[in-house]
Amino acid sequence: MLKILVAGGFGVGKTTTVGAVSEIDPVSTEEYLTQASAPTDNLDGVEAKSTTTVAFDFGRVSFDLPVPMELMLFGTPGQDRFMDLWYDLARGAVGAVVLADTRRLEASFAAVTFCERVRLPFVVAVNEFDGAHRYPVGDLRQAFALPLQIPVVTFDARKSTSVAGVLLRLVDHALSQTPATPTLLDA
């Protein structure tokens, strides 16, 4: 059993990602956006968004591989005001999938910084939204200033097979890492 964090900025597809692959009805803490949140929830590029995660999403998926594994997926809230919760959600995680949206890459910079700060292995998964521009992976890597050892992949958060591929890529990447020193999350 492995714990996986699904992180990223506001509106990048975390709830959709968890829901697309979960074998159980996902636990979701979606609430409707209100006028009260308008000053803090920037809807540029996601004007049609009407709900937001206010705590976390949870789902579970199993893979029957040579070594069977069960992944527990914890989707983070995307707004900066919930960033402290990320430390609790990341505790015990083997790695993170950092979701990105090419219409607003800057929305996921904080998630990359978080993973680097706490030394949590991660992959960047670019959600290919309808109508969003497609960029070469090298350009995306450069935009995030990522070293070559950090995987960057594209996927469709609505398709379970696409999400499963990203999760397996993360597990492979995370298990290939051997931290020389404890991470901040081990304390």
N, C-alpha and C. Protein backbone atom coordinates (compact mmCIF):
# COMPACT_ATOMS: atom_id res chain seq x y z
N MET A 1 0.85 -1.16 0.00
CA MET A 1 0.00 0.00 0.00
C MET A 1 0.90 1.23 0.00
N LEU A 2 0.65 2.15 -0.95
CA LEU A 2 1.45 3.36 -1.07
C LEU A 2 0.55 4.58 -1.05
N LYS A 3 1.00 5.62 -0.37
CA LYS A 3 0.28 6.89 -0.31
C LYS A 3 0.87 7.82 -1.37
N ILE A 4 -0.02 8.40 -2.17
CA ILE A 4 0.37 9.31 -3.25
C ILE A 4 -0.34 10.64 -3.05
N LEU A 5 0.40 11.74 -3.19
CA LEU A 5 -0.17 13.08 -3.14
C LEU A 5 -0.46 13.53 -4.57
N VAL A 6 -1.63 14.09 -4.80
CA VAL A 6 -1.98 14.68 -6.09
C VAL A 6 -2.10 16.17 -5.83
N ALA A 7 -1.12 16.93 -6.30
CA ALA A 7 -1.00 18.34 -5.94
C ALA A 7 -1.03 19.22 -7.18
N GLY A 8 -1.13 20.51 -6.95
CA GLY A 8 -1.13 21.47 -8.04
C GLY A 8 -1.98 22.67 -7.68
N GLY A 9 -1.97 23.63 -8.55
CA GLY A 9 -2.69 24.87 -8.30
C GLY A 9 -4.20 24.73 -8.44
N PHE A 10 -4.86 25.81 -8.18
CA PHE A 10 -6.31 25.92 -8.27
C PHE A 10 -6.78 25.61 -9.68
N GLY A 11 -7.69 24.64 -9.82
CA GLY A 11 -8.32 24.37 -11.11
C GLY A 11 -7.50 23.58 -12.11
N VAL A 12 -6.47 22.84 -11.67
CA VAL A 12 -5.65 22.10 -12.63
C VAL A 12 -6.15 20.68 -12.89
N GLY A 13 -7.17 20.21 -12.13
CA GLY A 13 -7.75 18.90 -12.40
C GLY A 13 -7.48 17.84 -11.35
N LYS A 14 -7.15 18.24 -10.15
CA LYS A 14 -6.84 17.25 -9.10
C LYS A 14 -8.05 16.39 -8.74
N THR A 15 -9.20 17.00 -8.52
CA THR A 15 -10.41 16.25 -8.17
C THR A 15 -10.80 15.32 -9.32
N THR A 16 -10.71 15.78 -10.54
CA THR A 16 -11.02 14.97 -11.71
C THR A 16 -10.05 13.79 -11.82
N THR A 17 -8.78 14.04 -11.56
CA THR A 17 -7.76 12.99 -11.63
C THR A 17 -8.06 11.88 -10.63
N VAL A 18 -8.31 12.24 -9.38
CA VAL A 18 -8.60 11.24 -8.35
C VAL A 18 -9.87 10.47 -8.72
N GLY A 19 -10.90 11.17 -9.13
CA GLY A 19 -12.17 10.54 -9.46
C GLY A 19 -12.10 9.63 -10.68
N ALA A 20 -11.25 9.95 -11.64
CA ALA A 20 -11.18 9.17 -12.87
C ALA A 20 -10.65 7.76 -12.64
N VAL A 21 -9.81 7.58 -11.63
CA VAL A 21 -9.14 6.30 -11.47
C VAL A 21 -9.55 5.56 -10.20
N SER A 22 -10.24 6.23 -9.30
CA SER A 22 -10.56 5.61 -8.01
C SER A 22 -11.54 4.44 -8.17
N GLU A 23 -11.24 3.35 -7.48
CA GLU A 23 -12.10 2.17 -7.49
C GLU A 23 -13.24 2.30 -6.48
N ILE A 24 -13.15 3.26 -5.62
CA ILE A 24 -14.21 3.53 -4.65
C ILE A 24 -14.82 4.87 -5.02
N ASP A 25 -16.01 5.14 -4.49
CA ASP A 25 -16.54 6.49 -4.67
C ASP A 25 -15.58 7.44 -3.97
N PRO A 26 -14.96 8.37 -4.72
CA PRO A 26 -13.96 9.21 -4.07
C PRO A 26 -14.60 10.11 -3.01
N VAL A 27 -13.82 10.34 -1.97
CA VAL A 27 -14.22 11.31 -0.96
C VAL A 27 -13.81 12.67 -1.51
N SER A 28 -14.74 13.58 -1.53
CA SER A 28 -14.47 14.90 -2.09
C SER A 28 -15.01 15.96 -1.14
N THR A 29 -14.27 17.04 -1.01
CA THR A 29 -14.71 18.15 -0.18
C THR A 29 -14.95 19.38 -1.04
N GLU A 30 -15.59 19.17 -2.18
CA GLU A 30 -15.89 20.25 -3.10
C GLU A 30 -17.00 21.13 -2.53
N GLU A 31 -16.80 22.43 -2.63
CA GLU A 31 -17.81 23.41 -2.24
C GLU A 31 -17.96 24.42 -3.37
N TYR A 32 -19.12 25.03 -3.45
CA TYR A 32 -19.35 26.05 -4.47
C TYR A 32 -18.54 27.30 -4.17
N LEU A 33 -17.99 27.88 -5.24
CA LEU A 33 -17.30 29.16 -5.10
C LEU A 33 -18.34 30.24 -4.81
N THR A 34 -17.99 31.18 -3.98
CA THR A 34 -18.91 32.26 -3.62
C THR A 34 -18.26 33.60 -3.91
N GLN A 35 -19.05 34.63 -3.80
CA GLN A 35 -18.53 35.99 -3.97
C GLN A 35 -17.49 36.30 -2.90
N ALA A 36 -17.63 35.70 -1.73
CA ALA A 36 -16.68 35.96 -0.65
C ALA A 36 -15.27 35.52 -1.01
N SER A 37 -15.15 34.49 -1.86
CA SER A 37 -13.82 34.00 -2.23
C SER A 37 -13.27 34.69 -3.49
N ALA A 38 -14.06 35.51 -4.13
CA ALA A 38 -13.65 36.15 -5.38
C ALA A 38 -12.32 36.90 -5.28
N PRO A 39 -12.04 37.62 -4.19
CA PRO A 39 -10.75 38.32 -4.12
C PRO A 39 -9.54 37.38 -4.02
N THR A 40 -9.74 36.15 -3.56
CA THR A 40 -8.61 35.24 -3.36
C THR A 40 -8.54 34.12 -4.38
N ASP A 41 -9.64 33.74 -5.01
CA ASP A 41 -9.66 32.65 -5.97
C ASP A 41 -9.65 33.22 -7.39
N ASN A 42 -8.48 33.27 -7.99
CA ASN A 42 -8.32 33.83 -9.32
C ASN A 42 -8.87 32.85 -10.36
N LEU A 43 -9.91 33.25 -11.06
CA LEU A 43 -10.54 32.40 -12.06
C LEU A 43 -10.03 32.64 -13.48
N ASP A 44 -8.97 33.43 -13.63
CA ASP A 44 -8.41 33.66 -14.96
C ASP A 44 -8.02 32.33 -15.59
N GLY A 45 -8.57 32.04 -16.75
CA GLY A 45 -8.28 30.79 -17.45
C GLY A 45 -9.20 29.64 -17.07
N VAL A 46 -9.95 29.79 -15.98
CA VAL A 46 -10.88 28.74 -15.54
C VAL A 46 -12.22 29.38 -15.15
N GLU A 47 -12.67 30.30 -15.96
CA GLU A 47 -13.86 31.08 -15.66
C GLU A 47 -15.10 30.23 -15.42
N ALA A 48 -15.18 29.05 -16.02
CA ALA A 48 -16.36 28.19 -15.87
C ALA A 48 -16.33 27.38 -14.57
N LYS A 49 -15.25 27.44 -13.83
CA LYS A 49 -15.12 26.66 -12.59
C LYS A 49 -16.12 27.19 -11.56
N SER A 50 -16.90 26.27 -10.96
CA SER A 50 -17.92 26.70 -10.00
C SER A 50 -17.71 26.12 -8.61
N THR A 51 -16.80 25.12 -8.49
CA THR A 51 -16.55 24.51 -7.18
C THR A 51 -15.04 24.46 -6.92
N THR A 52 -14.70 24.22 -5.67
CA THR A 52 -13.30 24.09 -5.29
C THR A 52 -13.16 23.14 -4.12
N THR A 53 -12.00 22.49 -4.04
CA THR A 53 -11.72 21.59 -2.92
C THR A 53 -11.30 22.42 -1.72
N VAL A 54 -11.93 22.15 -0.57
CA VAL A 54 -11.62 22.94 0.63
C VAL A 54 -10.87 22.15 1.69
N ALA A 55 -10.65 20.87 1.50
CA ALA A 55 -9.85 20.08 2.43
C ALA A 55 -8.97 19.14 1.60
N PHE A 56 -9.52 18.03 1.13
CA PHE A 56 -8.77 17.14 0.26
C PHE A 56 -9.72 16.19 -0.43
N ASP A 57 -9.20 15.53 -1.46
CA ASP A 57 -9.92 14.46 -2.15
C ASP A 57 -9.21 13.16 -1.77
N PHE A 58 -9.96 12.06 -1.75
CA PHE A 58 -9.35 10.77 -1.45
C PHE A 58 -9.93 9.71 -2.38
N GLY A 59 -9.04 8.90 -2.91
CA GLY A 59 -9.45 7.77 -3.73
C GLY A 59 -8.46 6.63 -3.57
N ARG A 60 -8.83 5.48 -4.11
CA ARG A 60 -7.97 4.30 -4.00
C ARG A 60 -7.99 3.58 -5.34
N VAL A 61 -6.83 3.09 -5.75
CA VAL A 61 -6.73 2.31 -6.98
C VAL A 61 -5.72 1.19 -6.75
N SER A 62 -6.04 0.02 -7.30
CA SER A 62 -5.17 -1.16 -7.17
C SER A 62 -4.63 -1.54 -8.54
N PHE A 63 -3.41 -2.03 -8.52
CA PHE A 63 -2.78 -2.54 -9.73
C PHE A 63 -2.35 -3.97 -9.47
N ASP A 64 -2.72 -4.87 -10.36
CA ASP A 64 -2.35 -6.27 -10.24
C ASP A 64 -1.15 -6.51 -11.16
N LEU A 65 0.00 -6.09 -10.69
CA LEU A 65 1.25 -6.22 -11.43
C LEU A 65 2.02 -7.40 -10.84
N PRO A 66 3.22 -7.65 -11.33
CA PRO A 66 4.00 -8.71 -10.68
C PRO A 66 4.05 -8.54 -9.15
N VAL A 67 4.10 -7.30 -8.71
CA VAL A 67 3.98 -7.00 -7.29
C VAL A 67 2.68 -6.20 -7.15
N PRO A 68 1.61 -6.82 -6.65
CA PRO A 68 0.35 -6.08 -6.51
C PRO A 68 0.53 -4.86 -5.61
N MET A 69 -0.10 -3.77 -5.98
CA MET A 69 -0.01 -2.57 -5.16
C MET A 69 -1.34 -1.84 -5.11
N GLU A 70 -1.56 -1.21 -3.99
CA GLU A 70 -2.75 -0.40 -3.77
C GLU A 70 -2.27 1.01 -3.49
N LEU A 71 -2.79 1.96 -4.26
CA LEU A 71 -2.41 3.36 -4.09
C LEU A 71 -3.53 4.11 -3.41
N MET A 72 -3.18 4.84 -2.36
CA MET A 72 -4.11 5.73 -1.68
C MET A 72 -3.81 7.13 -2.20
N LEU A 73 -4.78 7.75 -2.85
CA LEU A 73 -4.59 9.05 -3.50
C LEU A 73 -5.18 10.16 -2.64
N PHE A 74 -4.36 11.15 -2.35
CA PHE A 74 -4.79 12.31 -1.57
C PHE A 74 -4.61 13.55 -2.42
N GLY A 75 -5.72 14.14 -2.87
CA GLY A 75 -5.67 15.36 -3.67
C GLY A 75 -5.70 16.58 -2.78
N THR A 76 -4.77 17.49 -3.00
CA THR A 76 -4.66 18.69 -2.17
C THR A 76 -5.64 19.76 -2.64
N PRO A 77 -5.99 20.70 -1.75
CA PRO A 77 -6.69 21.90 -2.20
C PRO A 77 -5.67 22.77 -2.95
N GLY A 78 -6.14 23.53 -3.92
CA GLY A 78 -5.22 24.28 -4.76
C GLY A 78 -4.90 25.70 -4.35
N GLN A 79 -5.71 26.29 -3.49
CA GLN A 79 -5.48 27.69 -3.13
C GLN A 79 -4.35 27.83 -2.12
N ASP A 80 -3.62 28.92 -2.23
CA ASP A 80 -2.48 29.19 -1.34
C ASP A 80 -2.88 29.16 0.13
N ARG A 81 -4.08 29.59 0.45
CA ARG A 81 -4.49 29.66 1.86
C ARG A 81 -4.58 28.28 2.52
N PHE A 82 -4.57 27.21 1.73
CA PHE A 82 -4.63 25.85 2.28
C PHE A 82 -3.27 25.15 2.26
N MET A 83 -2.21 25.86 1.92
CA MET A 83 -0.89 25.25 1.75
C MET A 83 -0.40 24.55 3.02
N ASP A 84 -0.73 25.04 4.20
CA ASP A 84 -0.29 24.37 5.43
C ASP A 84 -0.81 22.94 5.51
N LEU A 85 -1.99 22.70 4.96
CA LEU A 85 -2.58 21.36 4.97
C LEU A 85 -1.75 20.38 4.15
N TRP A 86 -1.04 20.87 3.17
CA TRP A 86 -0.24 20.00 2.31
C TRP A 86 0.79 19.21 3.12
N TYR A 87 1.36 19.82 4.15
CA TYR A 87 2.36 19.12 4.98
C TYR A 87 1.74 17.90 5.64
N ASP A 88 0.53 18.05 6.15
CA ASP A 88 -0.16 16.92 6.78
C ASP A 88 -0.51 15.86 5.75
N LEU A 89 -1.02 16.28 4.60
CA LEU A 89 -1.39 15.31 3.56
C LEU A 89 -0.18 14.57 3.01
N ALA A 90 0.96 15.21 2.95
CA ALA A 90 2.17 14.61 2.38
C ALA A 90 2.88 13.66 3.33
N ARG A 91 2.58 13.75 4.62
CA ARG A 91 3.26 12.89 5.60
C ARG A 91 3.03 11.42 5.24
N GLY A 92 4.12 10.69 5.05
CA GLY A 92 4.05 9.27 4.73
C GLY A 92 3.87 8.97 3.25
N ALA A 93 3.79 9.99 2.41
CA ALA A 93 3.60 9.76 0.97
C ALA A 93 4.91 9.28 0.34
N VAL A 94 4.78 8.39 -0.62
CA VAL A 94 5.94 7.90 -1.36
C VAL A 94 6.34 8.90 -2.46
N GLY A 95 5.39 9.74 -2.88
CA GLY A 95 5.67 10.72 -3.92
C GLY A 95 4.43 11.51 -4.26
N ALA A 96 4.60 12.43 -5.21
CA ALA A 96 3.50 13.32 -5.61
C ALA A 96 3.42 13.43 -7.13
N VAL A 97 2.20 13.55 -7.59
CA VAL A 97 1.94 13.94 -8.97
C VAL A 97 1.57 15.42 -8.90
N VAL A 98 2.39 16.26 -9.51
CA VAL A 98 2.10 17.69 -9.57
C VAL A 98 1.40 17.96 -10.90
N LEU A 99 0.13 18.34 -10.83
CA LEU A 99 -0.64 18.62 -12.04
C LEU A 99 -0.39 20.04 -12.51
N ALA A 100 -0.38 20.21 -13.82
CA ALA A 100 -0.18 21.53 -14.41
C ALA A 100 -1.15 21.71 -15.57
N ASP A 101 -1.45 22.96 -15.85
CA ASP A 101 -2.36 23.36 -16.92
C ASP A 101 -1.60 24.39 -17.76
N THR A 102 -1.42 24.12 -19.06
CA THR A 102 -0.62 25.03 -19.90
C THR A 102 -1.24 26.41 -20.05
N ARG A 103 -2.51 26.54 -19.73
CA ARG A 103 -3.14 27.87 -19.78
C ARG A 103 -2.70 28.73 -18.61
N ARG A 104 -2.18 28.09 -17.53
CA ARG A 104 -1.81 28.81 -16.31
C ARG A 104 -0.71 28.03 -15.58
N LEU A 105 0.43 27.85 -16.21
CA LEU A 105 1.51 27.06 -15.59
C LEU A 105 1.89 27.58 -14.22
N GLU A 106 1.86 28.90 -14.06
CA GLU A 106 2.27 29.50 -12.79
C GLU A 106 1.42 29.02 -11.60
N ALA A 107 0.23 28.50 -11.86
CA ALA A 107 -0.63 28.01 -10.78
C ALA A 107 -0.02 26.79 -10.10
N SER A 108 0.91 26.11 -10.75
CA SER A 108 1.50 24.90 -10.17
C SER A 108 2.95 25.07 -9.73
N PHE A 109 3.50 26.26 -9.86
CA PHE A 109 4.89 26.49 -9.42
C PHE A 109 5.04 26.21 -7.93
N ALA A 110 4.06 26.62 -7.12
CA ALA A 110 4.15 26.42 -5.67
C ALA A 110 4.18 24.93 -5.31
N ALA A 111 3.46 24.11 -6.07
CA ALA A 111 3.46 22.67 -5.79
C ALA A 111 4.82 22.05 -6.09
N VAL A 112 5.47 22.49 -7.14
CA VAL A 112 6.81 22.00 -7.45
C VAL A 112 7.77 22.42 -6.33
N THR A 113 7.69 23.68 -5.93
CA THR A 113 8.55 24.19 -4.85
C THR A 113 8.31 23.42 -3.56
N PHE A 114 7.05 23.12 -3.25
CA PHE A 114 6.72 22.35 -2.05
C PHE A 114 7.41 20.99 -2.08
N CYS A 115 7.27 20.26 -3.18
CA CYS A 115 7.87 18.93 -3.29
C CYS A 115 9.38 18.99 -3.18
N GLU A 116 9.99 20.00 -3.80
CA GLU A 116 11.43 20.15 -3.69
C GLU A 116 11.84 20.46 -2.25
N ARG A 117 11.10 21.33 -1.59
CA ARG A 117 11.42 21.74 -0.22
C ARG A 117 11.38 20.56 0.75
N VAL A 118 10.35 19.72 0.62
CA VAL A 118 10.21 18.59 1.56
C VAL A 118 10.86 17.31 1.03
N ARG A 119 11.53 17.42 -0.12
CA ARG A 119 12.25 16.29 -0.73
C ARG A 119 11.33 15.11 -1.01
N LEU A 120 10.17 15.43 -1.54
CA LEU A 120 9.19 14.41 -1.91
C LEU A 120 9.36 14.12 -3.40
N PRO A 121 9.69 12.89 -3.78
CA PRO A 121 9.80 12.59 -5.21
C PRO A 121 8.50 12.95 -5.94
N PHE A 122 8.64 13.50 -7.14
CA PHE A 122 7.44 13.91 -7.87
C PHE A 122 7.65 13.83 -9.36
N VAL A 123 6.53 13.78 -10.06
CA VAL A 123 6.49 13.95 -11.51
C VAL A 123 5.58 15.13 -11.79
N VAL A 124 5.83 15.82 -12.88
CA VAL A 124 4.93 16.88 -13.33
C VAL A 124 4.08 16.28 -14.44
N ALA A 125 2.76 16.33 -14.25
CA ALA A 125 1.81 15.79 -15.22
C ALA A 125 0.98 16.94 -15.78
N VAL A 126 1.14 17.21 -17.05
CA VAL A 126 0.44 18.31 -17.70
C VAL A 126 -0.90 17.80 -18.21
N ASN A 127 -1.95 18.34 -17.63
CA ASN A 127 -3.32 17.96 -17.97
C ASN A 127 -3.68 18.62 -19.30
N GLU A 128 -3.97 17.82 -20.30
CA GLU A 128 -4.25 18.35 -21.63
C GLU A 128 -5.73 18.72 -21.77
N PHE A 129 -6.06 19.88 -21.22
CA PHE A 129 -7.42 20.40 -21.29
C PHE A 129 -7.81 20.67 -22.73
N ASP A 130 -9.10 20.52 -23.03
CA ASP A 130 -9.59 20.85 -24.36
C ASP A 130 -9.28 22.33 -24.64
N GLY A 131 -8.75 22.59 -25.81
CA GLY A 131 -8.47 23.96 -26.22
C GLY A 131 -7.19 24.54 -25.67
N ALA A 132 -6.50 23.84 -24.79
CA ALA A 132 -5.23 24.34 -24.26
C ALA A 132 -4.12 24.04 -25.25
N HIS A 133 -3.15 24.93 -25.32
CA HIS A 133 -2.02 24.75 -26.23
C HIS A 133 -1.16 23.58 -25.77
N ARG A 134 -0.66 22.81 -26.72
CA ARG A 134 0.24 21.69 -26.43
C ARG A 134 1.67 22.16 -26.65
N TYR A 135 2.52 21.96 -25.66
CA TYR A 135 3.92 22.35 -25.75
C TYR A 135 4.79 21.11 -25.70
N PRO A 136 5.96 21.17 -26.32
CA PRO A 136 6.90 20.05 -26.19
C PRO A 136 7.31 19.89 -24.71
N VAL A 137 7.54 18.65 -24.30
CA VAL A 137 7.92 18.37 -22.92
C VAL A 137 9.16 19.16 -22.51
N GLY A 138 10.11 19.31 -23.41
CA GLY A 138 11.32 20.09 -23.10
C GLY A 138 11.00 21.53 -22.72
N ASP A 139 10.04 22.14 -23.43
CA ASP A 139 9.64 23.51 -23.10
C ASP A 139 8.98 23.57 -21.73
N LEU A 140 8.16 22.55 -21.41
CA LEU A 140 7.50 22.51 -20.11
C LEU A 140 8.54 22.33 -19.00
N ARG A 141 9.50 21.45 -19.23
CA ARG A 141 10.58 21.23 -18.26
C ARG A 141 11.32 22.55 -17.98
N GLN A 142 11.59 23.29 -19.05
CA GLN A 142 12.29 24.56 -18.91
C GLN A 142 11.44 25.58 -18.16
N ALA A 143 10.14 25.62 -18.44
CA ALA A 143 9.26 26.57 -17.74
C ALA A 143 9.23 26.32 -16.24
N PHE A 144 9.33 25.05 -15.84
CA PHE A 144 9.34 24.70 -14.42
C PHE A 144 10.77 24.65 -13.85
N ALA A 145 11.78 24.86 -14.69
CA ALA A 145 13.18 24.80 -14.29
C ALA A 145 13.49 23.47 -13.61
N LEU A 146 13.08 22.38 -14.26
CA LEU A 146 13.25 21.05 -13.69
C LEU A 146 14.50 20.37 -14.23
N PRO A 147 15.23 19.67 -13.36
CA PRO A 147 16.35 18.87 -13.85
C PRO A 147 15.84 17.68 -14.66
N LEU A 148 16.71 17.08 -15.44
CA LEU A 148 16.31 15.99 -16.33
C LEU A 148 15.77 14.77 -15.59
N GLN A 149 16.17 14.55 -14.34
CA GLN A 149 15.72 13.35 -13.63
C GLN A 149 14.26 13.44 -13.16
N ILE A 150 13.65 14.62 -13.21
CA ILE A 150 12.24 14.76 -12.83
C ILE A 150 11.39 14.49 -14.07
N PRO A 151 10.57 13.44 -14.05
CA PRO A 151 9.73 13.15 -15.21
C PRO A 151 8.67 14.22 -15.46
N VAL A 152 8.46 14.55 -16.71
CA VAL A 152 7.38 15.44 -17.15
C VAL A 152 6.58 14.65 -18.18
N VAL A 153 5.28 14.51 -17.93
CA VAL A 153 4.42 13.74 -18.81
C VAL A 153 3.17 14.53 -19.12
N THR A 154 2.50 14.17 -20.20
CA THR A 154 1.20 14.75 -20.51
C THR A 154 0.16 13.66 -20.32
N PHE A 155 -1.07 14.10 -19.98
CA PHE A 155 -2.13 13.12 -19.74
C PHE A 155 -3.48 13.81 -19.82
N ASP A 156 -4.55 13.01 -19.76
CA ASP A 156 -5.92 13.51 -19.74
C ASP A 156 -6.54 13.06 -18.42
N ALA A 157 -6.81 13.99 -17.53
CA ALA A 157 -7.31 13.70 -16.18
C ALA A 157 -8.68 13.02 -16.19
N ARG A 158 -9.37 13.05 -17.31
CA ARG A 158 -10.71 12.44 -17.38
C ARG A 158 -10.66 10.96 -17.72
N LYS A 159 -9.50 10.46 -18.16
CA LYS A 159 -9.37 9.08 -18.63
C LYS A 159 -8.59 8.24 -17.64
N SER A 160 -9.24 7.18 -17.16
CA SER A 160 -8.61 6.36 -16.12
C SER A 160 -7.29 5.75 -16.59
N THR A 161 -7.21 5.30 -17.83
CA THR A 161 -5.96 4.70 -18.30
C THR A 161 -4.83 5.72 -18.35
N SER A 162 -5.17 6.94 -18.70
CA SER A 162 -4.16 8.00 -18.75
C SER A 162 -3.66 8.34 -17.35
N VAL A 163 -4.59 8.45 -16.39
CA VAL A 163 -4.22 8.72 -15.00
C VAL A 163 -3.40 7.56 -14.44
N ALA A 164 -3.81 6.33 -14.72
CA ALA A 164 -3.08 5.16 -14.23
C ALA A 164 -1.64 5.18 -14.73
N GLY A 165 -1.44 5.55 -15.97
CA GLY A 165 -0.08 5.64 -16.51
C GLY A 165 0.78 6.64 -15.76
N VAL A 166 0.20 7.79 -15.41
CA VAL A 166 0.93 8.80 -14.65
C VAL A 166 1.28 8.26 -13.26
N LEU A 167 0.32 7.61 -12.61
CA LEU A 167 0.56 7.07 -11.26
C LEU A 167 1.67 6.03 -11.27
N LEU A 168 1.66 5.14 -12.27
CA LEU A 168 2.71 4.12 -12.36
C LEU A 168 4.06 4.76 -12.65
N ARG A 169 4.07 5.81 -13.45
CA ARG A 169 5.33 6.53 -13.72
C ARG A 169 5.86 7.14 -12.43
N LEU A 170 4.97 7.72 -11.61
CA LEU A 170 5.40 8.28 -10.33
C LEU A 170 5.97 7.20 -9.42
N VAL A 171 5.26 6.09 -9.29
CA VAL A 171 5.73 5.02 -8.40
C VAL A 171 7.10 4.54 -8.85
N ASP A 172 7.28 4.33 -10.15
CA ASP A 172 8.57 3.91 -10.67
C ASP A 172 9.65 4.93 -10.32
N HIS A 173 9.35 6.21 -10.52
CA HIS A 173 10.31 7.28 -10.22
C HIS A 173 10.60 7.34 -8.72
N ALA A 174 9.57 7.30 -7.90
CA ALA A 174 9.74 7.42 -6.45
C ALA A 174 10.55 6.26 -5.89
N LEU A 175 10.27 5.05 -6.37
CA LEU A 175 10.97 3.89 -5.85
C LEU A 175 12.42 3.84 -6.33
N SER A 176 12.73 4.55 -7.40
CA SER A 176 14.12 4.60 -7.88
C SER A 176 14.96 5.59 -7.08
N GLN A 177 14.31 6.41 -6.28
CA GLN A 177 15.01 7.42 -5.47
C GLN A 177 15.42 6.81 -4.13
N THR A 178 16.64 7.06 -3.72
CA THR A 178 17.07 6.64 -2.39
C THR A 178 17.59 7.86 -1.67
N PRO A 179 16.76 8.44 -0.82
CA PRO A 179 17.20 9.67 -0.15
C PRO A 179 18.41 9.42 0.75
N ALA A 180 19.40 10.27 0.60
CA ALA A 180 20.62 10.15 1.41
C ALA A 180 20.38 10.68 2.82
N THR A 181 19.44 11.61 2.94
CA THR A 181 19.14 12.18 4.25
C THR A 181 17.63 12.17 4.44
N PRO A 182 17.15 12.17 5.68
CA PRO A 182 15.71 12.19 5.92
C PRO A 182 15.09 13.46 5.32
N THR A 183 13.83 13.34 4.94
CA THR A 183 13.10 14.50 4.43
C THR A 183 12.46 15.24 5.57
N LEU A 184 11.96 16.42 5.29
CA LEU A 184 11.27 17.22 6.30
C LEU A 184 10.01 16.50 6.79
N LEU A 185 9.44 15.65 5.95
CA LEU A 185 8.20 14.97 6.33
C LEU A 185 8.45 13.80 7.28
N ASP A 186 9.72 13.36 7.41
CA ASP A 186 10.04 12.26 8.31
C ASP A 186 10.07 12.70 9.77
N ALA A 187 10.22 13.99 9.99
CA ALA A 187 10.35 14.50 11.37
C ALA A 187 9.07 14.39 12.15
